[in-house]
Amino acid sequence: MGFGPIGLPQILIILLVILLIFGAKRLPEIGASLGKGIRTFKSSVTGEDEVNQAENKNDAPKSRDDGG
């Protein structure tokens, strides 16, 4: 298994260095923020966000004013 000139041992070394630099506690935070950024970018490129906002405005429950 390889990704071009980078093999499995090189990937493991890179992951180990990242673990040593950032620490085990910060890695989940970094992963979560990276995932959120990718989702935001993807939705802005595809225009999903605009469509969802328009649908949410149409589906929002209307407040009734009984007046008394």
PDB file of N, CA and C in Angstrom:
ATOM      1  N   MET A   1       0.843  -1.170   0.000  1.00  0.00           N
ATOM      2  CA  MET A   1       0.000   0.000   0.000  1.00  0.00           C
ATOM      3  C   MET A   1       0.890   1.235   0.000  1.00  0.00           C
ATOM      4  N   GLY A   2       0.664   2.104  -0.944  1.00  0.00           N
ATOM      5  CA  GLY A   2       1.462   3.305  -0.997  1.00  0.00           C
ATOM      6  C   GLY A   2       0.716   4.453  -1.635  1.00  0.00           C
ATOM      7  N   PHE A   3       1.135   5.630  -1.292  1.00  0.00           N
ATOM      8  CA  PHE A   3       0.558   6.834  -1.857  1.00  0.00           C
ATOM      9  C   PHE A   3       1.643   7.520  -2.674  1.00  0.00           C
ATOM     10  N   GLY A   4       1.927   6.973  -3.836  1.00  0.00           N
ATOM     11  CA  GLY A   4       3.014   7.510  -4.651  1.00  0.00           C
ATOM     12  C   GLY A   4       4.344   7.141  -4.008  1.00  0.00           C
ATOM     13  N   PRO A   5       5.230   8.114  -3.862  1.00  0.00           N
ATOM     14  CA  PRO A   5       6.535   7.819  -3.279  1.00  0.00           C
ATOM     15  C   PRO A   5       6.490   7.672  -1.759  1.00  0.00           C
ATOM     16  N   ILE A   6       5.347   7.971  -1.133  1.00  0.00           N
ATOM     17  CA  ILE A   6       5.235   7.869   0.326  1.00  0.00           C
ATOM     18  C   ILE A   6       4.635   6.508   0.672  1.00  0.00           C
ATOM     19  N   GLY A   7       5.327   5.760   1.501  1.00  0.00           N
ATOM     20  CA  GLY A   7       4.848   4.452   1.910  1.00  0.00           C
ATOM     21  C   GLY A   7       4.286   4.475   3.322  1.00  0.00           C
ATOM     22  N   LEU A   8       3.888   3.327   3.802  1.00  0.00           N
ATOM     23  CA  LEU A   8       3.301   3.196   5.133  1.00  0.00           C
ATOM     24  C   LEU A   8       4.277   3.616   6.237  1.00  0.00           C
ATOM     25  N   PRO A   9       5.546   3.229   6.188  1.00  0.00           N
ATOM     26  CA  PRO A   9       6.457   3.673   7.263  1.00  0.00           C
ATOM     27  C   PRO A   9       6.608   5.200   7.323  1.00  0.00           C
ATOM     28  N   GLN A  10       6.634   5.855   6.172  1.00  0.00           N
ATOM     29  CA  GLN A  10       6.753   7.302   6.162  1.00  0.00           C
ATOM     30  C   GLN A  10       5.500   7.971   6.737  1.00  0.00           C
ATOM     31  N   ILE A  11       4.335   7.418   6.427  1.00  0.00           N
ATOM     32  CA  ILE A  11       3.087   7.961   6.962  1.00  0.00           C
ATOM     33  C   ILE A  11       3.058   7.807   8.481  1.00  0.00           C
ATOM     34  N   LEU A  12       3.491   6.655   8.988  1.00  0.00           N
ATOM     35  CA  LEU A  12       3.527   6.443  10.435  1.00  0.00           C
ATOM     36  C   LEU A  12       4.480   7.406  11.121  1.00  0.00           C
ATOM     37  N   ILE A  13       5.614   7.686  10.509  1.00  0.00           N
ATOM     38  CA  ILE A  13       6.568   8.636  11.082  1.00  0.00           C
ATOM     39  C   ILE A  13       5.967  10.038  11.106  1.00  0.00           C
ATOM     40  N   ILE A  14       5.280  10.437  10.043  1.00  0.00           N
ATOM     41  CA  ILE A  14       4.641  11.750   9.985  1.00  0.00           C
ATOM     42  C   ILE A  14       3.580  11.870  11.068  1.00  0.00           C
ATOM     43  N   LEU A  15       2.756  10.832  11.236  1.00  0.00           N
ATOM     44  CA  LEU A  15       1.725  10.848  12.267  1.00  0.00           C
ATOM     45  C   LEU A  15       2.321  10.916  13.664  1.00  0.00           C
ATOM     46  N   LEU A  16       3.420  10.231  13.882  1.00  0.00           N
ATOM     47  CA  LEU A  16       4.098  10.260  15.177  1.00  0.00           C
ATOM     48  C   LEU A  16       4.645  11.654  15.474  1.00  0.00           C
ATOM     49  N   VAL A  17       5.221  12.305  14.474  1.00  0.00           N
ATOM     50  CA  VAL A  17       5.737  13.662  14.657  1.00  0.00           C
ATOM     51  C   VAL A  17       4.596  14.628  14.967  1.00  0.00           C
ATOM     52  N   ILE A  18       3.473  14.485  14.274  1.00  0.00           N
ATOM     53  CA  ILE A  18       2.309  15.334  14.536  1.00  0.00           C
ATOM     54  C   ILE A  18       1.811  15.114  15.959  1.00  0.00           C
ATOM     55  N   LEU A  19       1.776  13.870  16.392  1.00  0.00           N
ATOM     56  CA  LEU A  19       1.346  13.551  17.754  1.00  0.00           C
ATOM     57  C   LEU A  19       2.285  14.184  18.777  1.00  0.00           C
ATOM     58  N   LEU A  20       3.571  14.148  18.513  1.00  0.00           N
ATOM     59  CA  LEU A  20       4.533  14.735  19.439  1.00  0.00           C
ATOM     60  C   LEU A  20       4.430  16.259  19.467  1.00  0.00           C
ATOM     61  N   ILE A  21       4.153  16.882  18.333  1.00  0.00           N
ATOM     62  CA  ILE A  21       4.083  18.339  18.274  1.00  0.00           C
ATOM     63  C   ILE A  21       2.823  18.859  18.968  1.00  0.00           C
ATOM     64  N   PHE A  22       1.677  18.298  18.623  1.00  0.00           N
ATOM     65  CA  PHE A  22       0.415  18.836  19.122  1.00  0.00           C
ATOM     66  C   PHE A  22      -0.065  18.175  20.409  1.00  0.00           C
ATOM     67  N   GLY A  23       0.321  16.955  20.673  1.00  0.00           N
ATOM     68  CA  GLY A  23      -0.138  16.259  21.861  1.00  0.00           C
ATOM     69  C   GLY A  23      -1.440  15.527  21.608  1.00  0.00           C
ATOM     70  N   ALA A  24      -1.705  14.554  22.453  1.00  0.00           N
ATOM     71  CA  ALA A  24      -2.878  13.698  22.266  1.00  0.00           C
ATOM     72  C   ALA A  24      -4.183  14.425  22.573  1.00  0.00           C
ATOM     73  N   LYS A  25      -4.153  15.421  23.441  1.00  0.00           N
ATOM     74  CA  LYS A  25      -5.386  16.106  23.818  1.00  0.00           C
ATOM     75  C   LYS A  25      -5.865  17.075  22.748  1.00  0.00           C
ATOM     76  N   ARG A  26      -4.956  17.654  21.991  1.00  0.00           N
ATOM     77  CA  ARG A  26      -5.345  18.653  20.984  1.00  0.00           C
ATOM     78  C   ARG A  26      -5.713  18.035  19.648  1.00  0.00           C
ATOM     79  N   LEU A  27      -5.320  16.793  19.401  1.00  0.00           N
ATOM     80  CA  LEU A  27      -5.605  16.188  18.089  1.00  0.00           C
ATOM     81  C   LEU A  27      -7.102  16.090  17.785  1.00  0.00           C
ATOM     82  N   PRO A  28      -7.959  15.679  18.737  1.00  0.00           N
ATOM     83  CA  PRO A  28      -9.398  15.666  18.414  1.00  0.00           C
ATOM     84  C   PRO A  28      -9.954  17.054  18.110  1.00  0.00           C
ATOM     85  N   GLU A  29      -9.455  18.074  18.821  1.00  0.00           N
ATOM     86  CA  GLU A  29      -9.902  19.441  18.560  1.00  0.00           C
ATOM     87  C   GLU A  29      -9.495  19.883  17.157  1.00  0.00           C
ATOM     88  N   ILE A  30      -8.280  19.557  16.781  1.00  0.00           N
ATOM     89  CA  ILE A  30      -7.787  19.927  15.455  1.00  0.00           C
ATOM     90  C   ILE A  30      -8.599  19.209  14.382  1.00  0.00           C
ATOM     91  N   GLY A  31      -8.872  17.931  14.600  1.00  0.00           N
ATOM     92  CA  GLY A  31      -9.660  17.167  13.641  1.00  0.00           C
ATOM     93  C   GLY A  31     -11.074  17.697  13.495  1.00  0.00           C
ATOM     94  N   ALA A  32     -11.684  18.069  14.625  1.00  0.00           N
ATOM     95  CA  ALA A  32     -13.048  18.595  14.583  1.00  0.00           C
ATOM     96  C   ALA A  32     -13.098  19.933  13.858  1.00  0.00           C
ATOM     97  N   SER A  33     -12.148  20.807  14.146  1.00  0.00           N
ATOM     98  CA  SER A  33     -12.151  22.105  13.472  1.00  0.00           C
ATOM     99  C   SER A  33     -11.835  21.965  11.985  1.00  0.00           C
ATOM    100  N   LEU A  34     -10.971  21.029  11.657  1.00  0.00           N
ATOM    101  CA  LEU A  34     -10.662  20.786  10.251  1.00  0.00           C
ATOM    102  C   LEU A  34     -11.888  20.255   9.511  1.00  0.00           C
ATOM    103  N   GLY A  35     -12.605  19.326  10.129  1.00  0.00           N
ATOM    104  CA  GLY A  35     -13.824  18.788   9.525  1.00  0.00           C
ATOM    105  C   GLY A  35     -14.893  19.846   9.349  1.00  0.00           C
ATOM    106  N   LYS A  36     -15.042  20.721  10.356  1.00  0.00           N
ATOM    107  CA  LYS A  36     -16.027  21.797  10.258  1.00  0.00           C
ATOM    108  C   LYS A  36     -15.662  22.757   9.132  1.00  0.00           C
ATOM    109  N   GLY A  37     -14.389  23.053   9.006  1.00  0.00           N
ATOM    110  CA  GLY A  37     -13.946  23.937   7.932  1.00  0.00           C
ATOM    111  C   GLY A  37     -14.190  23.342   6.564  1.00  0.00           C
ATOM    112  N   ILE A  38     -13.939  22.050   6.431  1.00  0.00           N
ATOM    113  CA  ILE A  38     -14.169  21.376   5.143  1.00  0.00           C
ATOM    114  C   ILE A  38     -15.656  21.367   4.805  1.00  0.00           C
ATOM    115  N   ARG A  39     -16.511  21.082   5.807  1.00  0.00           N
ATOM    116  CA  ARG A  39     -17.959  21.089   5.570  1.00  0.00           C
ATOM    117  C   ARG A  39     -18.445  22.477   5.158  1.00  0.00           C
ATOM    118  N   THR A  40     -17.933  23.508   5.823  1.00  0.00           N
ATOM    119  CA  THR A  40     -18.322  24.878   5.486  1.00  0.00           C
ATOM    120  C   THR A  40     -17.891  25.225   4.073  1.00  0.00           C
ATOM    121  N   PHE A  41     -16.659  24.865   3.729  1.00  0.00           N
ATOM    122  CA  PHE A  41     -16.164  25.128   2.378  1.00  0.00           C
ATOM    123  C   PHE A  41     -16.993  24.394   1.343  1.00  0.00           C
ATOM    124  N   LYS A  42     -17.294  23.128   1.599  1.00  0.00           N
ATOM    125  CA  LYS A  42     -18.059  22.329   0.648  1.00  0.00           C
ATOM    126  C   LYS A  42     -19.462  22.904   0.448  1.00  0.00           C
ATOM    127  N   SER A  43     -20.108  23.299   1.552  1.00  0.00           N
ATOM    128  CA  SER A  43     -21.454  23.843   1.426  1.00  0.00           C
ATOM    129  C   SER A  43     -21.447  25.193   0.721  1.00  0.00           C
ATOM    130  N   SER A  44     -20.393  25.988   0.903  1.00  0.00           N
ATOM    131  CA  SER A  44     -20.342  27.272   0.212  1.00  0.00           C
ATOM    132  C   SER A  44     -20.063  27.093  -1.280  1.00  0.00           C
ATOM    133  N   VAL A  45     -19.293  26.082  -1.632  1.00  0.00           N
ATOM    134  CA  VAL A  45     -18.990  25.841  -3.046  1.00  0.00           C
ATOM    135  C   VAL A  45     -20.210  25.275  -3.767  1.00  0.00           C
ATOM    136  N   THR A  46     -20.914  24.343  -3.129  1.00  0.00           N
ATOM    137  CA  THR A  46     -22.057  23.708  -3.778  1.00  0.00           C
ATOM    138  C   THR A  46     -23.321  24.547  -3.680  1.00  0.00           C
ATOM    139  N   GLY A  47     -23.358  25.515  -2.766  1.00  0.00           N
ATOM    140  CA  GLY A  47     -24.541  26.344  -2.597  1.00  0.00           C
ATOM    141  C   GLY A  47     -25.606  25.690  -1.756  1.00  0.00           C
ATOM    142  N   GLU A  48     -25.286  24.609  -1.060  1.00  0.00           N
ATOM    143  CA  GLU A  48     -26.260  23.923  -0.211  1.00  0.00           C
ATOM    144  C   GLU A  48     -26.749  24.827   0.909  1.00  0.00           C
ATOM    145  N   ASP A  49     -25.866  25.621   1.454  1.00  0.00           N
ATOM    146  CA  ASP A  49     -26.208  26.460   2.591  1.00  0.00           C
ATOM    147  C   ASP A  49     -27.312  27.445   2.238  1.00  0.00           C
ATOM    148  N   GLU A  50     -27.225  28.038   1.053  1.00  0.00           N
ATOM    149  CA  GLU A  50     -28.239  28.998   0.628  1.00  0.00           C
ATOM    150  C   GLU A  50     -29.588  28.318   0.453  1.00  0.00           C
ATOM    151  N   VAL A  51     -29.585  27.113  -0.100  1.00  0.00           N
ATOM    152  CA  VAL A  51     -30.827  26.372  -0.314  1.00  0.00           C
ATOM    153  C   VAL A  51     -31.433  25.988   1.025  1.00  0.00           C
ATOM    154  N   ASN A  52     -30.614  25.516   1.967  1.00  0.00           N
ATOM    155  CA  ASN A  52     -31.115  25.118   3.280  1.00  0.00           C
ATOM    156  C   ASN A  52     -31.680  26.299   4.044  1.00  0.00           C
ATOM    157  N   GLN A  53     -31.065  27.464   3.942  1.00  0.00           N
ATOM    158  CA  GLN A  53     -31.569  28.640   4.631  1.00  0.00           C
ATOM    159  C   GLN A  53     -32.915  29.057   4.058  1.00  0.00           C
ATOM    160  N   ALA A  54     -33.066  28.983   2.746  1.00  0.00           N
ATOM    161  CA  ALA A  54     -34.337  29.338   2.123  1.00  0.00           C
ATOM    162  C   ALA A  54     -35.432  28.364   2.545  1.00  0.00           C
ATOM    163  N   GLU A  55     -35.115  27.081   2.604  1.00  0.00           N
ATOM    164  CA  GLU A  55     -36.095  26.082   3.033  1.00  0.00           C
ATOM    165  C   GLU A  55     -36.470  26.275   4.484  1.00  0.00           C
ATOM    166  N   ASN A  56     -35.497  26.601   5.335  1.00  0.00           N
ATOM    167  CA  ASN A  56     -35.777  26.801   6.752  1.00  0.00           C
ATOM    168  C   ASN A  56     -36.674  28.011   6.971  1.00  0.00           C
ATOM    169  N   LYS A  57     -36.524  29.053   6.164  1.00  0.00           N
ATOM    170  CA  LYS A  57     -37.383  30.216   6.295  1.00  0.00           C
ATOM    171  C   LYS A  57     -38.819  29.867   5.926  1.00  0.00           C
ATOM    172  N   ASN A  58     -38.993  29.032   4.909  1.00  0.00           N
ATOM    173  CA  ASN A  58     -40.333  28.637   4.485  1.00  0.00           C
ATOM    174  C   ASN A  58     -40.974  27.674   5.470  1.00  0.00           C
ATOM    175  N   ASP A  59     -40.185  26.832   6.132  1.00  0.00           N
ATOM    176  CA  ASP A  59     -40.709  25.830   7.040  1.00  0.00           C
ATOM    177  C   ASP A  59     -40.834  26.330   8.478  1.00  0.00           C
ATOM    178  N   ALA A  60     -40.378  27.544   8.752  1.00  0.00           N
ATOM    179  CA  ALA A  60     -40.406  28.049  10.122  1.00  0.00           C
ATOM    180  C   ALA A  60     -41.846  28.186  10.583  1.00  0.00           C
ATOM    181  N   PRO A  61     -42.128  27.748  11.817  1.00  0.00           N
ATOM    182  CA  PRO A  61     -43.501  27.868  12.310  1.00  0.00           C
ATOM    183  C   PRO A  61     -43.849  29.340  12.534  1.00  0.00           C
ATOM    184  N   LYS A  62     -45.022  29.682  12.130  1.00  0.00           N
ATOM    185  CA  LYS A  62     -45.486  31.064  12.258  1.00  0.00           C
ATOM    186  C   LYS A  62     -46.119  31.237  13.628  1.00  0.00           C
ATOM    187  N   SER A  63     -45.805  32.344  14.278  1.00  0.00           N
ATOM    188  CA  SER A  63     -46.399  32.594  15.591  1.00  0.00           C
ATOM    189  C   SER A  63     -47.780  33.185  15.393  1.00  0.00           C
ATOM    190  N   ARG A  64     -48.708  32.691  16.204  1.00  0.00           N
ATOM    191  CA  ARG A  64     -50.064  33.190  16.117  1.00  0.00           C
ATOM    192  C   ARG A  64     -50.260  34.261  17.181  1.00  0.00           C
ATOM    193  N   ASP A  65     -50.961  35.282  16.806  1.00  0.00           N
ATOM    194  CA  ASP A  65     -51.252  36.346  17.734  1.00  0.00           C
ATOM    195  C   ASP A  65     -52.765  36.373  17.927  1.00  0.00           C
ATOM    196  N   ASP A  66     -53.220  35.823  19.053  1.00  0.00           N
ATOM    197  CA  ASP A  66     -54.647  35.751  19.306  1.00  0.00           C
ATOM    198  C   ASP A  66     -55.229  37.103  19.723  1.00  0.00           C
ATOM    199  N   GLY A  67     -54.344  37.975  20.142  1.00  0.00           N
ATOM    200  CA  GLY A  67     -54.785  39.311  20.484  1.00  0.00           C
ATOM    201  C   GLY A  67     -55.484  39.390  21.841  1.00  0.00           C
ATOM    202  N   GLY A  68     -55.384  38.410  22.623  1.00  0.00           N
ATOM    203  CA  GLY A  68     -56.085  38.585  23.892  1.00  0.00           C
ATOM    204  C   GLY A  68     -55.840  37.536  24.809  1.00  0.00           C
TER     205      GLY A  68
END
